[in-house]
Amino acid sequence: MRAMLKGIAASDGVVCGHVFRYSEPDLSITKRSVTNLDHELNRFHQALEAAVSEVETIKTRATKNLGADSAQVFSAHIAMLQDPEFIKSVEDEIARQRCNAEAALATVVTDYGASLAKLTDNPYMQERITDLHDISKRVTAHLLGIKLPDLALLDRPVIVVTHDLIPSDTVSVDAKYILGFVTDLGGRTSHSSILARSLNIPAVVGTQTATADLATDEMVIINGTTGSVISEPTAAEIATAKQAMADRQTNRVRLAKLRHHQTVTKDGIGVTLAANMGTANDIPSVLDNGAEAVGLMRTEFLYMDAERVPTEDEQFAIYRQVVSALAPRPVVIRTLDIGGDKPLPYLHQAPEANPFMGERAIRQSLAHQPLFRSQLRALIRASAYGHLRIMFPMIATLDEFRQAKAIYDDERSKLTTAQVPMGKIDVGMMVEVPAAAMLADRFAQEVDFMSIGTNDLIGYAMAADRTNQDVAYLYQPYHPAVLRLVDRIVRAGHAAGIPVAMCGEMAGDPIAVPILLGIGLDEFSMGAGSILKTRQLMGTLNVHELQSLADTVLNSTSTSQEVITMVQAAVPGILDVR
């Protein structure tokens, strides 16, 4: 049945393709008696073999995309699936109860889980509970004849339709098989949106009903520029979409010619265009898209993709790889930003009523100093291999920054005494808490650089959860109040003689770029897929003219729409570069 959905335009472009609905299927089971035990045992072994084959495929792809260390969890899954004791327990349960294999499996998993749960003093065994349930779900799906959706097993290009995406959903996915994303939830700064822009593929988020309205293998057209989704399109609509896809490819070829160009505005002002990255696997994309720096490397994925806290040496190997591969480009690596929507199960964090305002980011690091010190030592050691900048997230007070900096100084001093090689390191902070923005002039006296984290700054300034659809209308990057905060930070940095960057998604937004250029932002850091489009746009803009635009926007507007209208009038056709 034809449907037309409207959501949030998250990543530009038009694409036509078949749906892959990524949602949890119903795996509920009913215990039943069986008479043919051999048949039931055979069903169980066939399901085991199929599950092992799937996990081996996932492991291979995860190793390719993430490295062998991050893929170790899948080795553990295979070992559990092939564990003779586990297999025999299920076989015995089938024979004793004379029941179907899925019911026997459920009983054994429940018993095993209960036994593991009692080992409260053994974190390793506690972590196995999650693994146990993962493998059980996969085997049960095969027993029920249900195909378990798994992005890591994609083998053809599809449009992924899902309720929402979390980082762990995509760690082992092969990007070449994803044409675009459509989600029920989310906004322009949700994980699926950021991933889509990084991959330079169209995305529409926040549709509310996509998973209910769209079926697997159904043909759809998504328009990531307008935020629309059409199912069962007409032949004419498909032809138009395919032409748009061809035009997009042509434009990519044209943009690729800018890969090795410096970013210079029409009136000759140089600007640094940097990339945001999540793992070392993003290095090729950073280089291919002509990034002049890395403005943000998120380190939380290194922790989230592991079953335990990564060791200092494991971290050092990753940081060294990134810094050396991108040298002489400066690389900003953010210390651990865990909490909010990014918990670490193995840290056993207590539930919080409002985790986004709880113990997250630098607060977490200061509360767990051994964790923080290990990361800092790994970073300091990696500085010998390139141009490293360390950035502390979620700084709200000067005391927090001073405490974090003192710990850094202590660890650097110890490594210096031990004659460990190291390079010059700039130490800065993210400005994403309104309190820090208001005191930016004071912070600017003590930091080497500041980077504006607009994803959180907008949310905190507008008191709007960016993941909450009911208040999505309040998440306004162009709101004059947000722009005034940005202007305040940039002015404070320049008065103190330090550079100011932006590493939030706003940095690559074509409506925001002219204003930010007019304000005087030094560095724009964004998903790698947005760099060349932004370089092209900046080459058409005159900074001296934009200074007047920025002044008018900051002093004469009261709403986001007024800002948008003013920018579009000042820069006609600005959205055409999207």
Protein backbone atom coordinates (compact mmCIF):
# COMPACT_ATOMS: atom_id res chain seq x y z
CA MET A 1 0.00 0.00 0.00
CA ARG A 2 1.35 3.38 -1.03
CA ALA A 3 2.40 5.62 1.84
CA MET A 4 3.95 9.06 2.11
CA LEU A 5 5.85 9.76 5.33
CA LYS A 6 7.28 13.01 6.60
CA GLY A 7 10.24 13.21 8.95
CA ILE A 8 13.33 15.26 9.67
CA ALA A 9 15.79 15.87 6.86
CA ALA A 10 18.93 14.36 8.40
CA SER A 11 21.34 13.76 5.51
CA ASP A 12 20.93 15.23 2.06
CA GLY A 13 20.22 13.41 -1.17
CA VAL A 14 17.65 11.23 -2.91
CA VAL A 15 17.84 7.46 -3.13
CA CYS A 16 15.59 4.68 -4.38
CA GLY A 17 15.88 1.13 -3.09
CA HIS A 18 14.40 -1.83 -1.24
CA VAL A 19 13.63 -1.74 2.48
CA PHE A 20 15.54 -3.73 5.08
CA ARG A 21 13.44 -3.43 8.22
CA TYR A 22 15.78 -3.64 11.18
CA SER A 23 13.62 -4.51 14.17
CA GLU A 24 13.43 -7.19 16.81
CA PRO A 25 11.16 -10.06 15.69
CA ASP A 26 8.82 -11.94 18.01
CA LEU A 27 10.86 -14.85 19.38
CA SER A 28 8.33 -16.02 21.96
CA ILE A 29 8.15 -19.82 22.27
CA THR A 30 5.66 -22.40 23.43
CA LYS A 31 6.77 -25.60 25.15
CA ARG A 32 5.36 -28.68 23.47
CA SER A 33 5.83 -32.43 23.78
CA VAL A 34 7.71 -34.31 21.04
CA THR A 35 7.87 -38.00 20.20
CA ASN A 36 10.73 -38.01 17.70
CA LEU A 37 13.74 -37.09 19.84
CA ASP A 38 16.24 -37.68 17.02
CA HIS A 39 14.42 -35.15 14.86
CA GLU A 40 14.43 -32.59 17.67
CA LEU A 41 18.13 -33.12 18.38
CA ASN A 42 18.85 -32.75 14.68
CA ARG A 43 16.89 -29.46 14.60
CA PHE A 44 18.95 -28.20 17.51
CA HIS A 45 22.30 -29.07 15.89
CA GLN A 46 21.29 -27.54 12.57
CA ALA A 47 20.33 -24.32 14.37
CA LEU A 48 23.67 -24.32 16.20
CA GLU A 49 25.59 -24.74 12.94
CA ALA A 50 23.64 -21.93 11.28
CA ALA A 51 24.25 -19.65 14.26
CA VAL A 52 27.98 -20.37 14.26
CA SER A 53 28.17 -19.63 10.52
CA GLU A 54 26.43 -16.28 11.01
CA VAL A 55 28.66 -15.25 13.90
CA GLU A 56 31.77 -16.20 11.91
CA THR A 57 30.59 -13.91 9.10
CA ILE A 58 29.97 -11.09 11.58
CA LYS A 59 33.38 -11.67 13.15
CA THR A 60 35.11 -11.46 9.77
CA ARG A 61 33.42 -8.17 8.95
CA ALA A 62 33.99 -6.75 12.43
CA THR A 63 37.69 -7.64 12.18
CA LYS A 64 37.91 -5.86 8.83
CA ASN A 65 36.01 -2.79 10.00
CA LEU A 66 37.11 -2.52 13.63
CA GLY A 67 40.21 -4.61 14.11
CA ALA A 68 40.86 -7.96 15.77
CA ASP A 69 40.59 -6.65 19.33
CA SER A 70 37.08 -5.31 18.85
CA ALA A 71 35.99 -8.53 17.17
CA GLN A 72 36.98 -10.70 20.13
CA VAL A 73 33.43 -10.68 21.50
CA PHE A 74 32.34 -12.73 18.48
CA SER A 75 35.05 -15.29 19.16
CA ALA A 76 33.53 -15.66 22.62
CA HIS A 77 30.10 -16.20 21.07
CA ILE A 78 31.41 -18.93 18.79
CA ALA A 79 33.14 -20.64 21.71
CA MET A 80 29.89 -20.65 23.70
CA LEU A 81 27.93 -22.04 20.75
CA GLN A 82 30.47 -24.87 20.43
CA ASP A 83 30.86 -25.54 24.16
CA PRO A 84 30.33 -29.31 24.66
CA GLU A 85 28.91 -28.86 28.16
CA PHE A 86 26.36 -26.30 26.99
CA ILE A 87 25.33 -28.46 24.02
CA LYS A 88 24.98 -31.56 26.18
CA SER A 89 22.85 -29.67 28.69
CA VAL A 90 20.34 -28.79 25.96
CA GLU A 91 20.42 -32.34 24.56
CA ASP A 92 19.76 -33.77 28.02
CA GLU A 93 16.90 -31.35 28.58
CA ILE A 94 15.27 -32.36 25.28
CA ALA A 95 15.53 -36.03 26.25
CA ARG A 96 14.44 -35.58 29.88
CA GLN A 97 11.46 -33.36 29.19
CA ARG A 98 10.71 -34.86 25.75
CA CYS A 99 10.12 -31.30 24.61
CA ASN A 100 10.90 -29.12 21.61
CA ALA A 101 14.46 -27.81 21.23
CA GLU A 102 13.62 -24.10 21.65
CA ALA A 103 11.91 -24.77 24.99
CA ALA A 104 14.84 -26.90 26.19
CA LEU A 105 17.28 -24.18 25.11
CA ALA A 106 15.30 -21.53 27.02
CA THR A 107 15.39 -23.62 30.19
CA VAL A 108 19.13 -24.23 29.98
CA VAL A 109 19.86 -20.56 29.26
CA THR A 110 17.75 -19.50 32.24
CA ASP A 111 19.62 -21.94 34.50
CA TYR A 112 23.03 -20.88 33.19
CA GLY A 113 22.12 -17.20 33.54
CA ALA A 114 21.01 -17.71 37.14
CA SER A 115 24.28 -19.45 37.97
CA LEU A 116 26.35 -16.67 36.40
CA ALA A 117 24.33 -13.99 38.17
CA LYS A 118 25.39 -15.44 41.53
CA LEU A 119 29.06 -14.77 40.72
CA THR A 120 28.82 -11.12 41.70
CA ASP A 121 32.53 -10.90 42.52
CA ASN A 122 33.56 -12.02 39.03
CA PRO A 123 33.00 -9.23 36.47
CA TYR A 124 34.11 -11.46 33.59
CA MET A 125 31.41 -14.02 34.31
CA GLN A 126 28.84 -11.29 34.77
CA GLU A 127 29.60 -10.07 31.26
CA ARG A 128 28.97 -13.58 29.92
CA ILE A 129 25.27 -13.25 30.79
CA THR A 130 24.77 -10.82 27.91
CA ASP A 131 26.72 -13.09 25.56
CA LEU A 132 24.60 -16.06 26.64
CA HIS A 133 21.36 -14.27 25.80
CA ASP A 134 22.77 -13.08 22.46
CA ILE A 135 23.63 -16.58 21.28
CA SER A 136 20.35 -17.95 22.63
CA LYS A 137 18.40 -15.39 20.61
CA ARG A 138 20.27 -16.33 17.44
CA VAL A 139 19.76 -20.11 17.88
CA THR A 140 16.10 -19.64 18.83
CA ALA A 141 15.50 -17.61 15.68
CA HIS A 142 16.82 -20.46 13.54
CA LEU A 143 14.71 -23.00 15.41
CA LEU A 144 11.60 -20.89 14.81
CA GLY A 145 12.46 -20.34 11.17
CA ILE A 146 12.69 -16.58 11.72
CA LYS A 147 15.38 -14.56 10.00
CA LEU A 148 17.05 -12.43 12.65
CA PRO A 149 17.76 -8.98 11.20
CA ASP A 150 21.43 -8.12 11.48
CA LEU A 151 23.12 -5.19 9.77
CA ALA A 152 26.42 -7.05 9.91
CA LEU A 153 24.98 -9.74 7.61
CA LEU A 154 23.82 -7.43 4.82
CA ASP A 155 24.93 -8.68 1.44
CA ARG A 156 23.06 -6.30 -0.88
CA PRO A 157 22.40 -2.55 -1.01
CA VAL A 158 19.28 -1.64 1.00
CA ILE A 159 17.52 1.25 2.70
CA VAL A 160 17.60 0.52 6.43
CA VAL A 161 14.30 1.23 8.18
CA THR A 162 14.43 1.02 11.97
CA HIS A 163 12.94 2.40 15.16
CA ASP A 164 16.23 3.94 16.15
CA LEU A 165 19.92 3.21 15.88
CA ILE A 166 22.49 3.05 18.65
CA PRO A 167 26.24 2.99 18.06
CA SER A 168 26.57 -0.74 18.78
CA ASP A 169 24.09 -1.49 15.97
CA THR A 170 26.53 -0.33 13.32
CA VAL A 171 30.00 -1.21 14.56
CA SER A 172 30.41 -4.15 12.17
CA VAL A 173 28.26 -3.01 9.26
CA ASP A 174 29.71 -2.78 5.74
CA ALA A 175 28.77 0.71 4.59
CA LYS A 176 28.64 -0.23 0.91
CA TYR A 177 25.38 -2.11 1.57
CA ILE A 178 23.53 0.88 3.05
CA LEU A 179 21.83 3.20 0.56
CA GLY A 180 20.10 5.28 3.23
CA PHE A 181 18.38 5.33 6.63
CA VAL A 182 14.79 5.90 7.73
CA THR A 183 13.97 5.89 11.46
CA ASP A 184 10.94 6.35 13.70
CA LEU A 185 12.89 8.38 16.26
CA GLY A 186 15.79 10.80 16.20
CA GLY A 187 16.80 14.24 15.07
CA ARG A 188 19.67 15.75 13.06
CA THR A 189 22.12 14.98 15.88
CA SER A 190 21.06 11.38 16.55
CA HIS A 191 23.52 8.55 15.89
CA SER A 192 21.78 7.45 12.68
CA SER A 193 21.90 11.01 11.31
CA ILE A 194 25.56 11.50 12.17
CA LEU A 195 26.42 8.11 10.66
CA ALA A 196 24.49 8.90 7.47
CA ARG A 197 26.28 12.21 6.99
CA SER A 198 29.60 10.56 7.71
CA LEU A 199 28.87 7.96 5.01
CA ASN A 200 27.41 10.67 2.74
CA ILE A 201 24.15 8.81 2.27
CA PRO A 202 20.57 10.17 2.45
CA ALA A 203 18.61 9.82 5.68
CA VAL A 204 15.19 10.76 7.04
CA VAL A 205 14.65 10.42 10.79
CA GLY A 206 11.83 11.03 13.23
CA THR A 207 9.07 9.71 10.97
CA GLN A 208 7.26 8.16 13.97
CA THR A 209 5.72 5.29 11.96
CA ALA A 210 8.25 4.07 9.38
CA THR A 211 8.71 0.61 10.92
CA ALA A 212 4.93 0.14 11.04
CA ASP A 213 4.24 1.49 7.55
CA LEU A 214 7.16 0.05 5.55
CA ALA A 215 7.82 -3.66 4.95
CA THR A 216 11.04 -5.51 4.13
CA ASP A 217 11.78 -5.62 0.37
CA GLU A 218 9.25 -2.87 -0.33
CA MET A 219 10.48 -0.27 -2.83
CA VAL A 220 10.80 3.24 -1.37
CA ILE A 221 12.21 6.62 -2.30
CA ILE A 222 13.72 8.75 0.46
CA ASN A 223 14.60 12.41 0.14
CA GLY A 224 17.08 13.41 2.83
CA THR A 225 16.92 17.05 1.76
CA THR A 226 13.16 17.49 2.22
CA GLY A 227 12.60 14.78 4.85
CA SER A 228 10.08 12.78 2.79
CA VAL A 229 9.64 9.04 2.21
CA ILE A 230 7.45 7.50 -0.53
CA SER A 231 6.60 3.80 -0.65
CA GLU A 232 5.41 1.98 -3.77
CA PRO A 233 6.53 4.85 -6.02
CA THR A 234 5.30 5.21 -9.58
CA ALA A 235 7.52 4.52 -12.57
CA ALA A 236 7.86 8.27 -13.13
CA GLU A 237 8.89 8.84 -9.50
CA ILE A 238 11.47 6.05 -9.72
CA ALA A 239 12.88 7.54 -12.92
CA THR A 240 13.16 10.97 -11.28
CA ALA A 241 14.84 9.47 -8.21
CA LYS A 242 17.35 7.53 -10.32
CA GLN A 243 18.19 10.70 -12.23
CA ALA A 244 18.77 12.49 -8.91
CA MET A 245 21.04 9.63 -7.83
CA ALA A 246 23.00 9.92 -11.08
CA ASP A 247 23.30 13.70 -10.65
CA ARG A 248 24.50 13.15 -7.09
CA GLN A 249 27.20 10.78 -8.32
CA THR A 250 28.28 13.32 -10.95
CA ASN A 251 28.51 15.96 -8.25
CA ARG A 252 30.61 13.63 -6.10
CA VAL A 253 33.10 13.32 -8.95
CA ARG A 254 33.20 17.10 -9.26
CA LEU A 255 33.62 17.58 -5.52
CA ALA A 256 36.43 15.02 -5.45
CA LYS A 257 38.56 17.50 -7.38
CA LEU A 258 38.56 19.68 -4.26
CA ARG A 259 40.06 16.90 -2.15
CA HIS A 260 43.58 18.30 -2.13
CA HIS A 261 42.62 21.99 -2.14
CA GLN A 262 42.98 24.32 0.82
CA THR A 263 39.75 25.79 2.15
CA VAL A 264 39.66 29.45 1.12
CA THR A 265 36.69 31.80 0.96
CA LYS A 266 35.91 33.92 -2.09
CA ASP A 267 37.73 36.90 -0.56
CA GLY A 268 40.81 34.86 0.31
CA ILE A 269 40.24 34.00 3.98
CA GLY A 270 41.68 30.63 4.97
CA VAL A 271 39.53 28.32 7.08
CA THR A 272 40.32 24.90 8.56
CA LEU A 273 37.90 22.12 7.64
CA ALA A 274 38.32 19.16 9.95
CA ALA A 275 36.67 15.77 10.32
CA ASN A 276 34.88 14.12 13.21
CA MET A 277 35.75 10.44 13.58
CA GLY A 278 34.72 7.56 15.81
CA THR A 279 37.31 4.83 15.25
CA ALA A 280 40.57 4.23 13.42
CA ASN A 281 38.51 2.74 10.59
CA ASP A 282 37.45 6.28 9.69
CA ILE A 283 41.01 7.20 8.65
CA PRO A 284 40.51 6.41 4.91
CA SER A 285 37.34 8.51 4.82
CA VAL A 286 39.09 11.41 6.57
CA LEU A 287 41.89 11.33 3.99
CA ASP A 288 39.66 10.70 0.96
CA ASN A 289 37.50 13.71 1.82
CA GLY A 290 40.43 16.08 2.14
CA ALA A 291 40.19 16.92 5.84
CA GLU A 292 42.84 19.40 6.98
CA ALA A 293 42.64 18.18 10.57
CA VAL A 294 40.64 15.98 12.90
CA GLY A 295 38.57 18.22 15.12
CA LEU A 296 37.09 15.39 17.17
CA MET A 297 37.98 11.77 17.65
CA ARG A 298 35.47 10.14 19.96
CA THR A 299 37.16 7.58 22.21
CA GLU A 300 34.01 6.08 23.70
CA PHE A 301 33.63 3.58 20.85
CA LEU A 302 36.94 2.04 21.87
CA TYR A 303 35.34 1.34 25.24
CA MET A 304 31.83 0.51 23.99
CA ASP A 305 33.10 -2.09 21.51
CA ALA A 306 34.98 -3.93 24.26
CA GLU A 307 33.77 -6.25 26.99
CA ARG A 308 36.08 -4.69 29.55
CA VAL A 309 38.06 -1.51 30.06
CA PRO A 310 40.73 -1.36 27.32
CA THR A 311 44.25 -1.51 28.70
CA GLU A 312 46.67 1.39 28.39
CA ASP A 313 48.63 -0.46 25.71
CA GLU A 314 45.49 -1.30 23.74
CA GLN A 315 44.49 2.35 23.77
CA PHE A 316 47.99 3.51 22.91
CA ALA A 317 48.06 1.29 19.82
CA ILE A 318 44.84 2.86 18.50
CA TYR A 319 45.80 6.45 19.30
CA ARG A 320 49.25 5.98 17.76
CA GLN A 321 47.69 4.53 14.62
CA VAL A 322 45.38 7.52 14.22
CA VAL A 323 47.91 10.23 15.04
CA SER A 324 50.66 8.79 12.85
CA ALA A 325 48.37 8.02 9.88
CA LEU A 326 47.06 11.60 9.83
CA ALA A 327 50.34 13.41 10.57
CA PRO A 328 51.17 16.24 10.14
CA ARG A 329 47.49 17.13 10.48
CA PRO A 330 46.51 18.06 14.03
CA VAL A 331 44.28 15.48 15.69
CA VAL A 332 41.95 16.37 18.57
CA ILE A 333 41.19 13.32 20.69
CA ARG A 334 38.43 13.72 23.25
CA THR A 335 38.77 11.91 26.54
CA LEU A 336 36.08 9.45 27.46
CA ASP A 337 32.54 10.81 27.04
CA ILE A 338 30.46 8.09 28.65
CA GLY A 339 27.06 8.55 30.26
CA GLY A 340 23.82 9.99 28.98
CA ASP A 341 22.87 7.69 26.10
CA LYS A 342 26.29 5.96 26.14
CA PRO A 343 26.54 3.74 29.24
CA LEU A 344 29.26 1.17 29.82
CA PRO A 345 27.73 -1.98 31.30
CA TYR A 346 31.00 -3.21 32.74
CA LEU A 347 31.42 -0.03 34.81
CA HIS A 348 28.22 -0.94 36.66
CA GLN A 349 26.97 2.66 36.64
CA ALA A 350 24.04 3.31 38.96
CA PRO A 351 20.77 4.25 37.24
CA GLU A 352 20.18 7.99 37.09
CA ALA A 353 16.88 9.85 36.81
CA ASN A 354 18.41 12.29 34.34
CA PRO A 355 21.62 10.79 32.96
CA PHE A 356 22.31 13.67 30.56
CA MET A 357 22.73 15.88 33.60
CA GLY A 358 24.34 13.20 35.73
CA GLU A 359 27.75 11.59 36.03
CA ARG A 360 28.89 11.71 32.42
CA ALA A 361 31.98 12.67 30.45
CA ILE A 362 34.61 14.53 32.54
CA ARG A 363 32.55 13.91 35.68
CA GLN A 364 32.83 10.19 35.08
CA SER A 365 36.57 10.48 34.43
CA LEU A 366 37.22 12.48 37.61
CA ALA A 367 35.16 10.01 39.64
CA HIS A 368 37.08 7.02 38.21
CA GLN A 369 40.62 8.33 38.15
CA PRO A 370 42.43 5.04 37.37
CA LEU A 371 40.38 4.87 34.16
CA PHE A 372 41.17 8.51 33.36
CA ARG A 373 44.87 8.24 34.14
CA SER A 374 45.24 5.16 31.96
CA GLN A 375 43.69 6.97 29.01
CA LEU A 376 45.83 10.06 29.54
CA ARG A 377 49.03 8.00 29.67
CA ALA A 378 48.10 6.26 26.42
CA LEU A 379 47.39 9.61 24.77
CA ILE A 380 50.63 11.23 26.00
CA ARG A 381 52.64 8.28 24.69
CA ALA A 382 50.89 8.53 21.30
CA SER A 383 51.81 12.22 21.00
CA ALA A 384 55.34 11.20 19.93
CA TYR A 385 53.93 10.07 16.58
CA GLY A 386 52.17 13.19 15.33
CA HIS A 387 50.33 16.37 16.25
CA LEU A 388 48.04 15.58 19.17
CA ARG A 389 45.54 17.75 20.97
CA ILE A 390 43.69 16.45 24.03
CA MET A 391 40.19 17.71 24.75
CA PHE A 392 38.12 17.37 27.92
CA PRO A 393 34.33 17.05 27.41
CA MET A 394 31.43 18.48 29.42
CA ILE A 395 33.47 20.99 31.39
CA ALA A 396 31.10 23.13 33.45
CA THR A 397 33.39 24.81 36.00
CA LEU A 398 36.95 26.05 36.16
CA ASP A 399 37.57 23.67 39.06
CA GLU A 400 36.72 20.69 36.81
CA PHE A 401 39.15 21.81 34.12
CA ARG A 402 41.89 22.55 36.64
CA GLN A 403 41.46 19.16 38.28
CA ALA A 404 41.55 17.35 34.92
CA LYS A 405 44.57 19.39 33.81
CA ALA A 406 46.39 18.65 37.10
CA ILE A 407 45.90 14.91 36.57
CA TYR A 408 47.20 15.28 33.00
CA ASP A 409 50.24 17.26 34.24
CA ASP A 410 50.93 14.60 36.88
CA GLU A 411 50.86 11.74 34.38
CA ARG A 412 52.99 13.68 31.88
CA SER A 413 55.53 14.40 34.61
CA LYS A 414 55.73 10.71 35.53
CA LEU A 415 56.26 9.69 31.90
CA THR A 416 58.87 12.41 31.46
CA THR A 417 60.77 11.07 34.48
CA ALA A 418 60.57 7.60 32.95
CA GLN A 419 62.00 9.07 29.71
CA VAL A 420 59.02 7.99 27.65
CA PRO A 421 59.05 9.71 24.22
CA MET A 422 56.31 12.28 23.74
CA GLY A 423 55.52 15.33 21.63
CA LYS A 424 54.03 18.76 22.25
CA ILE A 425 50.39 18.49 23.27
CA ASP A 426 47.72 21.18 23.30
CA VAL A 427 45.14 20.71 26.05
CA GLY A 428 41.70 22.17 25.50
CA MET A 429 38.04 21.76 26.31
CA MET A 430 34.67 21.35 24.72
CA VAL A 431 32.28 24.19 25.40
CA GLU A 432 28.89 22.52 25.51
CA VAL A 433 27.55 23.58 28.91
CA PRO A 434 25.91 27.04 28.96
CA ALA A 435 27.77 27.90 32.18
CA ALA A 436 31.08 27.36 30.38
CA ALA A 437 29.88 29.42 27.43
CA MET A 438 29.00 32.32 29.72
CA LEU A 439 32.44 32.14 31.37
CA ALA A 440 34.31 31.46 28.14
CA ASP A 441 36.53 34.50 28.73
CA ARG A 442 37.80 32.98 31.99
CA PHE A 443 38.33 29.52 30.52
CA ALA A 444 40.16 31.03 27.55
CA GLN A 445 42.92 32.20 29.92
CA GLU A 446 43.71 28.60 30.95
CA VAL A 447 43.17 26.41 27.87
CA ASP A 448 45.12 26.02 24.64
CA PHE A 449 41.98 25.86 22.52
CA MET A 450 38.20 25.62 22.76
CA SER A 451 35.82 23.57 20.63
CA ILE A 452 32.10 24.22 20.67
CA GLY A 453 30.06 21.05 21.05
CA THR A 454 26.78 22.29 19.63
CA ASN A 455 24.92 18.97 19.87
CA ASP A 456 24.74 19.28 23.64
CA LEU A 457 25.01 23.06 23.87
CA ILE A 458 21.79 23.48 21.88
CA GLY A 459 20.00 20.87 23.98
CA TYR A 460 21.06 22.40 27.28
CA ALA A 461 20.41 25.96 26.12
CA MET A 462 16.92 25.15 24.87
CA ALA A 463 16.14 22.60 27.63
CA ALA A 464 15.20 20.15 24.88
CA ASP A 465 16.25 16.51 24.70
CA ARG A 466 17.43 15.97 21.11
CA THR A 467 16.18 12.36 21.25
CA ASN A 468 12.66 13.28 22.41
CA GLN A 469 10.25 13.65 19.50
CA ASP A 470 7.76 15.62 21.59
CA VAL A 471 10.21 18.50 22.03
CA ALA A 472 12.13 18.12 18.77
CA TYR A 473 10.72 21.45 17.61
CA LEU A 474 12.75 23.16 20.36
CA TYR A 475 16.06 21.75 19.20
CA GLN A 476 16.94 24.81 17.10
CA PRO A 477 20.58 25.30 16.01
CA TYR A 478 19.75 28.65 14.43
CA HIS A 479 17.98 30.10 17.45
CA PRO A 480 19.39 33.56 18.19
CA ALA A 481 20.10 32.54 21.80
CA VAL A 482 22.31 29.67 20.60
CA LEU A 483 24.05 31.89 18.05
CA ARG A 484 24.76 34.50 20.72
CA LEU A 485 26.40 31.82 22.88
CA VAL A 486 28.55 30.75 19.93
CA ASP A 487 29.52 34.37 19.24
CA ARG A 488 30.42 34.89 22.90
CA ILE A 489 32.73 31.86 22.88
CA VAL A 490 34.48 32.86 19.65
CA ARG A 491 35.04 36.43 20.87
CA ALA A 492 36.42 35.16 24.18
CA GLY A 493 38.84 32.83 22.44
CA HIS A 494 40.11 35.47 20.06
CA ALA A 495 40.54 38.02 22.84
CA ALA A 496 42.79 35.50 24.60
CA GLY A 497 44.66 34.62 21.41
CA ILE A 498 43.50 30.99 21.19
CA PRO A 499 41.71 29.24 18.31
CA VAL A 500 38.04 28.32 18.55
CA ALA A 501 36.60 25.35 16.68
CA MET A 502 33.19 23.74 16.40
CA CYS A 503 32.83 19.97 16.40
CA GLY A 504 29.06 19.65 16.62
CA GLU A 505 26.85 18.83 13.65
CA MET A 506 26.08 22.50 13.22
CA ALA A 507 29.57 23.02 11.77
CA GLY A 508 28.57 21.36 8.50
CA ASP A 509 25.08 22.86 8.24
CA PRO A 510 24.86 25.06 5.11
CA ILE A 511 22.49 27.54 6.80
CA ALA A 512 24.85 27.90 9.76
CA VAL A 513 28.12 28.11 7.80
CA PRO A 514 27.69 31.73 6.55
CA ILE A 515 26.83 32.91 10.06
CA LEU A 516 29.76 31.05 11.61
CA LEU A 517 32.14 32.48 9.00
CA GLY A 518 30.81 35.96 9.78
CA ILE A 519 31.28 35.38 13.52
CA GLY A 520 34.90 34.37 12.87
CA LEU A 521 34.97 30.67 13.77
CA ASP A 522 38.48 29.32 13.10
CA GLU A 523 37.83 25.64 12.50
CA PHE A 524 34.78 23.70 11.31
CA SER A 525 34.78 20.00 12.20
CA MET A 526 32.10 17.72 10.74
CA GLY A 527 31.36 14.26 9.39
CA ALA A 528 33.94 13.53 6.69
CA GLY A 529 31.21 13.20 4.05
CA SER A 530 30.26 16.86 4.49
CA ILE A 531 33.75 18.35 4.06
CA LEU A 532 33.94 18.70 0.29
CA LYS A 533 30.42 20.16 0.04
CA THR A 534 31.32 22.68 2.71
CA ARG A 535 34.62 23.53 1.00
CA GLN A 536 32.71 24.18 -2.21
CA LEU A 537 30.22 26.40 -0.39
CA MET A 538 32.89 28.40 1.42
CA GLY A 539 34.61 29.10 -1.89
CA THR A 540 31.53 31.05 -2.95
CA LEU A 541 31.23 33.16 0.22
CA ASN A 542 32.72 36.54 1.12
CA VAL A 543 33.62 36.72 4.81
CA HIS A 544 33.60 40.51 4.93
CA GLU A 545 30.02 40.56 3.65
CA LEU A 546 29.05 37.81 6.09
CA GLN A 547 30.31 39.81 9.06
CA SER A 548 27.47 42.23 8.42
CA LEU A 549 25.01 39.31 8.09
CA ALA A 550 26.20 37.82 11.38
CA ASP A 551 25.87 41.15 13.15
CA THR A 552 22.31 41.59 11.90
CA VAL A 553 21.36 38.00 12.83
CA LEU A 554 22.79 38.38 16.34
CA ASN A 555 21.18 41.72 17.06
CA SER A 556 17.98 41.89 15.02
CA THR A 557 16.38 38.43 15.01
CA SER A 558 14.18 36.74 17.58
CA THR A 559 13.35 33.36 16.01
CA SER A 560 15.07 30.56 14.11
CA GLN A 561 12.87 31.14 11.07
CA GLU A 562 13.92 34.78 10.92
CA VAL A 563 17.54 33.63 10.86
CA ILE A 564 16.90 31.08 8.09
CA THR A 565 15.03 33.64 5.98
CA MET A 566 17.82 36.18 6.42
CA VAL A 567 20.56 33.71 5.43
CA GLN A 568 18.65 32.53 2.35
CA ALA A 569 18.14 36.14 1.27
CA ALA A 570 21.81 36.95 1.76
CA VAL A 571 23.06 33.78 0.04
CA PRO A 572 20.54 32.80 -2.67
CA GLY A 573 20.55 29.13 -3.56
CA ILE A 574 22.57 28.16 -0.49
CA LEU A 575 20.69 24.90 -0.07
CA ASP A 576 21.53 23.87 -3.63
CA VAL A 577 24.99 22.72 -2.48
CA ARG A 578 23.41 20.15 -0.20
